[in-house]
Structures are given as structure tokens and as C-alpha cells.
C-alpha atoms as a PDB file:
ATOM      1  CA  MET A   1      67.359 124.998 102.096  1.00  0.00           C
ATOM      2  CA  SER A   2      69.936 123.007 104.574  1.00  0.00           C
ATOM      3  CA  PHE A   3      71.698 124.685 107.250  1.00  0.00           C
ATOM      4  CA  LEU A   4      74.067 121.460 107.587  1.00  0.00           C
ATOM      5  CA  ALA A   5      77.502 121.836 106.529  1.00  0.00           C
ATOM      6  CA  ARG A   6      78.288 119.241 104.032  1.00  0.00           C
ATOM      7  CA  VAL A   7      80.866 116.620 104.786  1.00  0.00           C
ATOM      8  CA  ALA A   8      82.444 114.632 101.985  1.00  0.00           C
ATOM      9  CA  PRO A   9      81.898 110.652 102.557  1.00  0.00           C
ATOM     10  CA  PRO A  10      84.282 108.405 103.962  1.00  0.00           C
ATOM     11  CA  SER A  11      86.841 106.922 101.508  1.00  0.00           C
ATOM     12  CA  ASP A  12      86.297 103.575 102.670  1.00  0.00           C
ATOM     13  CA  ALA A  13      83.387 101.840 104.277  1.00  0.00           C
ATOM     14  CA  GLY A  14      83.527 102.809 108.549  1.00  0.00           C
ATOM     15  CA  LEU A  15      85.990 105.313 107.885  1.00  0.00           C
ATOM     16  CA  LEU A  16      85.161 109.121 109.128  1.00  0.00           C
ATOM     17  CA  PRO A  17      86.113 112.076 106.637  1.00  0.00           C
ATOM     18  CA  TYR A  18      88.269 113.183 109.833  1.00  0.00           C
ATOM     19  CA  PRO A  19      89.627 112.016 112.997  1.00  0.00           C
ATOM     20  CA  PHE A  20      87.178 111.664 116.023  1.00  0.00           C
ATOM     21  CA  ALA A  21      88.066 111.374 119.436  1.00  0.00           C
ATOM     22  CA  TYR A  22      86.640 108.418 121.840  1.00  0.00           C
ATOM     23  CA  VAL A  23      87.004 107.391 125.263  1.00  0.00           C
ATOM     24  CA  ILE A  24      87.850 103.567 125.585  1.00  0.00           C
ATOM     25  CA  THR A  25      87.755 101.848 129.125  1.00  0.00           C
ATOM     26  CA  TYR A  26      88.432  98.457 129.943  1.00  0.00           C
ATOM     27  CA  GLU A  27      88.652  95.605 132.368  1.00  0.00           C
ATOM     28  CA  LEU A  28      91.053  93.186 131.310  1.00  0.00           C
ATOM     29  CA  LYS A  29      90.611  89.492 133.475  1.00  0.00           C
ATOM     30  CA  GLY A  30      94.080  88.011 131.979  1.00  0.00           C
ATOM     31  CA  PRO A  31      97.511  89.217 132.695  1.00  0.00           C
ATOM     32  CA  PRO A  32      98.972  92.020 130.546  1.00  0.00           C
ATOM     33  CA  ILE A  33     100.905  89.940 128.060  1.00  0.00           C
ATOM     34  CA  LEU A  34      97.634  88.629 126.465  1.00  0.00           C
ATOM     35  CA  TYR A  35      96.840  91.942 125.502  1.00  0.00           C
ATOM     36  CA  GLN A  36      99.711  93.245 123.709  1.00  0.00           C
ATOM     37  CA  ASP A  37      97.741  93.334 120.123  1.00  0.00           C
ATOM     38  CA  LEU A  38      95.272  95.625 122.000  1.00  0.00           C
ATOM     39  CA  PHE A  39      97.455  98.195 123.282  1.00  0.00           C
ATOM     40  CA  THR A  40      99.858  98.303 120.195  1.00  0.00           C
ATOM     41  CA  TYR A  41      96.500  98.688 118.522  1.00  0.00           C
ATOM     42  CA  LEU A  42      95.368 101.508 120.501  1.00  0.00           C
ATOM     43  CA  GLN A  43      99.218 103.269 120.247  1.00  0.00           C
ATOM     44  CA  ALA A  44      98.575 103.129 116.463  1.00  0.00           C
ATOM     45  CA  SER A  45      95.963 105.464 116.510  1.00  0.00           C
ATOM     46  CA  ASP A  46      96.512 108.769 114.925  1.00  0.00           C
ATOM     47  CA  GLY A  47      96.807 110.367 118.549  1.00  0.00           C
ATOM     48  CA  TRP A  48      96.358 108.766 122.156  1.00  0.00           C
ATOM     49  CA  CYS A  49      96.537 109.999 125.695  1.00  0.00           C
ATOM     50  CA  HIS A  50      96.799 107.208 128.525  1.00  0.00           C
ATOM     51  CA  TRP A  51      96.972 108.730 131.982  1.00  0.00           C
ATOM     52  CA  VAL A  52      94.455 106.854 133.815  1.00  0.00           C
ATOM     53  CA  ARG A  53      94.494 103.329 134.202  1.00  0.00           C
ATOM     54  CA  ASP A  54      92.515 101.218 131.841  1.00  0.00           C
ATOM     55  CA  THR A  55      91.525 104.153 130.179  1.00  0.00           C
ATOM     56  CA  TRP A  56      92.582 105.780 126.634  1.00  0.00           C
ATOM     57  CA  LEU A  57      91.692 109.015 125.036  1.00  0.00           C
ATOM     58  CA  VAL A  58      92.210 107.921 121.086  1.00  0.00           C
ATOM     59  CA  VAL A  59      92.013 109.832 117.836  1.00  0.00           C
ATOM     60  CA  ARG A  60      91.011 107.399 115.330  1.00  0.00           C
ATOM     61  CA  ARG A  61      88.983 107.499 111.753  1.00  0.00           C
ATOM     62  CA  GLU A  62      86.606 104.476 112.306  1.00  0.00           C
ATOM     63  CA  THR A  63      83.165 105.069 113.147  1.00  0.00           C
ATOM     64  CA  LEU A  64      82.590 103.486 117.306  1.00  0.00           C
ATOM     65  CA  VAL A  65      80.602 100.731 115.762  1.00  0.00           C
ATOM     66  CA  VAL A  66      84.111  99.562 113.686  1.00  0.00           C
ATOM     67  CA  LEU A  67      86.258 100.663 116.309  1.00  0.00           C
ATOM     68  CA  ALA A  68      84.605  99.115 119.033  1.00  0.00           C
ATOM     69  CA  ASN A  69      84.242  95.748 117.148  1.00  0.00           C
ATOM     70  CA  GLN A  70      87.710  95.605 116.278  1.00  0.00           C
ATOM     71  CA  LEU A  71      88.938  96.309 119.966  1.00  0.00           C
ATOM     72  CA  ARG A  72      86.454  93.299 120.549  1.00  0.00           C
ATOM     73  CA  GLN A  73      88.810  90.933 118.739  1.00  0.00           C
ATOM     74  CA  LYS A  74      91.894  91.894 120.560  1.00  0.00           C
ATOM     75  CA  ILE A  75      89.897  91.156 123.950  1.00  0.00           C
ATOM     76  CA  LYS A  76      89.019  87.550 125.928  1.00  0.00           C
ATOM     77  CA  ALA A  77      85.461  86.368 126.990  1.00  0.00           C
ATOM     78  CA  GLY A  78      85.137  87.832 129.986  1.00  0.00           C
ATOM     79  CA  ASP A  79      86.681  91.222 129.681  1.00  0.00           C
ATOM     80  CA  TRP A  80      84.405  94.275 129.956  1.00  0.00           C
ATOM     81  CA  LEU A  81      84.708  97.174 127.769  1.00  0.00           C
ATOM     82  CA  MET A  82      83.225 100.538 127.010  1.00  0.00           C
ATOM     83  CA  VAL A  83      83.755 103.036 123.939  1.00  0.00           C
ATOM     84  CA  MET A  84      82.068 106.327 123.560  1.00  0.00           C
ATOM     85  CA  PRO A  85      82.506 109.354 121.666  1.00  0.00           C
ATOM     86  CA  ALA A  86      84.859 111.860 123.916  1.00  0.00           C
ATOM     87  CA  LYS A  87      83.423 115.433 124.269  1.00  0.00           C
ATOM     88  CA  GLY A  88      84.070 118.441 126.442  1.00  0.00           C
ATOM     89  CA  PRO A  89      84.017 119.966 128.629  1.00  0.00           C
ATOM     90  CA  ILE A  90      86.398 117.847 130.824  1.00  0.00           C
ATOM     91  CA  ASP A  91      87.340 118.199 134.612  1.00  0.00           C
ATOM     92  CA  GLY A  92      89.329 116.311 136.843  1.00  0.00           C
ATOM     93  CA  TRP A  93      93.546 116.036 138.234  1.00  0.00           C
ATOM     94  CA  LEU A  94      95.671 115.238 135.601  1.00  0.00           C
ATOM     95  CA  PRO A  95      99.604 116.008 134.961  1.00  0.00           C
ATOM     96  CA  PRO A  96      99.471 119.400 132.569  1.00  0.00           C
ATOM     97  CA  GLU A  97     100.727 117.570 129.776  1.00  0.00           C
ATOM     98  CA  ALA A  98      97.475 115.354 129.496  1.00  0.00           C
ATOM     99  CA  TRP A  99      95.495 118.319 129.739  1.00  0.00           C
ATOM    100  CA  ASP A 100      97.487 119.914 126.753  1.00  0.00           C
ATOM    101  CA  TRP A 101      96.674 116.869 124.733  1.00  0.00           C
ATOM    102  CA  ILE A 102      93.243 117.122 126.051  1.00  0.00           C
ATOM    103  CA  ASN A 103      92.470 120.510 125.335  1.00  0.00           C
ATOM    104  CA  LYS A 104      94.419 119.728 121.847  1.00  0.00           C
ATOM    105  CA  HIS A 105      92.411 116.651 120.753  1.00  0.00           C
ATOM    106  CA  VAL A 106      88.883 116.550 122.620  1.00  0.00           C
ATOM    107  CA  PRO A 107      86.104 118.980 121.112  1.00  0.00           C
ATOM    108  CA  ARG A 108      84.113 121.409 123.422  1.00  0.00           C
ATOM    109  CA  GLU A 109      80.448 120.423 122.612  1.00  0.00           C
ATOM    110  CA  TRP A 110      78.219 121.443 125.483  1.00  0.00           C
END
């Protein structure tokens, strides 16, 4: 007997059956104009929050592996990139509208 809830399998390879929050942070070595495709891709997320320079919180359906691979294709050699699940609680100094977004989209899992 399993106590885990059954979740429908993803409809497409590399997609989760539900949106998931991720933290994306990077250090881009080139001028911003070279990264318009990256910024457009991040803004096309199901939801996004970008209050801290070089750091985004995004809500997407891709698995972490697929998302990170997509992002790698939009940056240059020598740039740095980190993608990780966004889980709370979270603390810090941000404007109220940032906390509203975070409280709505980032699960409190510990």
C-alpha cells in the first residue's frame, strides 16, 4: 500500500504535470544586449519575480534538467549559471510586492 499521492504523468517529455518554482541566478560576462533571448525566455515563464540583480524566481513546468539546459543555450561560454528549486520559508529585505509574489508561488516545505 502506498501513501504517496498519485500524480498524472507529464504530457510532454521533460514537463512536469504542474508548475514548479525555481531560483535562477547567473553572472553574465558580456553586455546585456547579448542576452535578450535569455531575458525574453525568463519573462515567458508562467510567473516570474526579478527583484535582485542577476537572480530570478520563475514558475515553469519544465524539469530542472530541461530548464537548465534551455538556459545554458542562451548564455555564453565563461558565464556562470545556477538553477535550483525554490522552497521556503524565505527571509530577507525586499519590497512588499516581491513578498506577495513569493508567498503566492514558492511553497513552504521545511
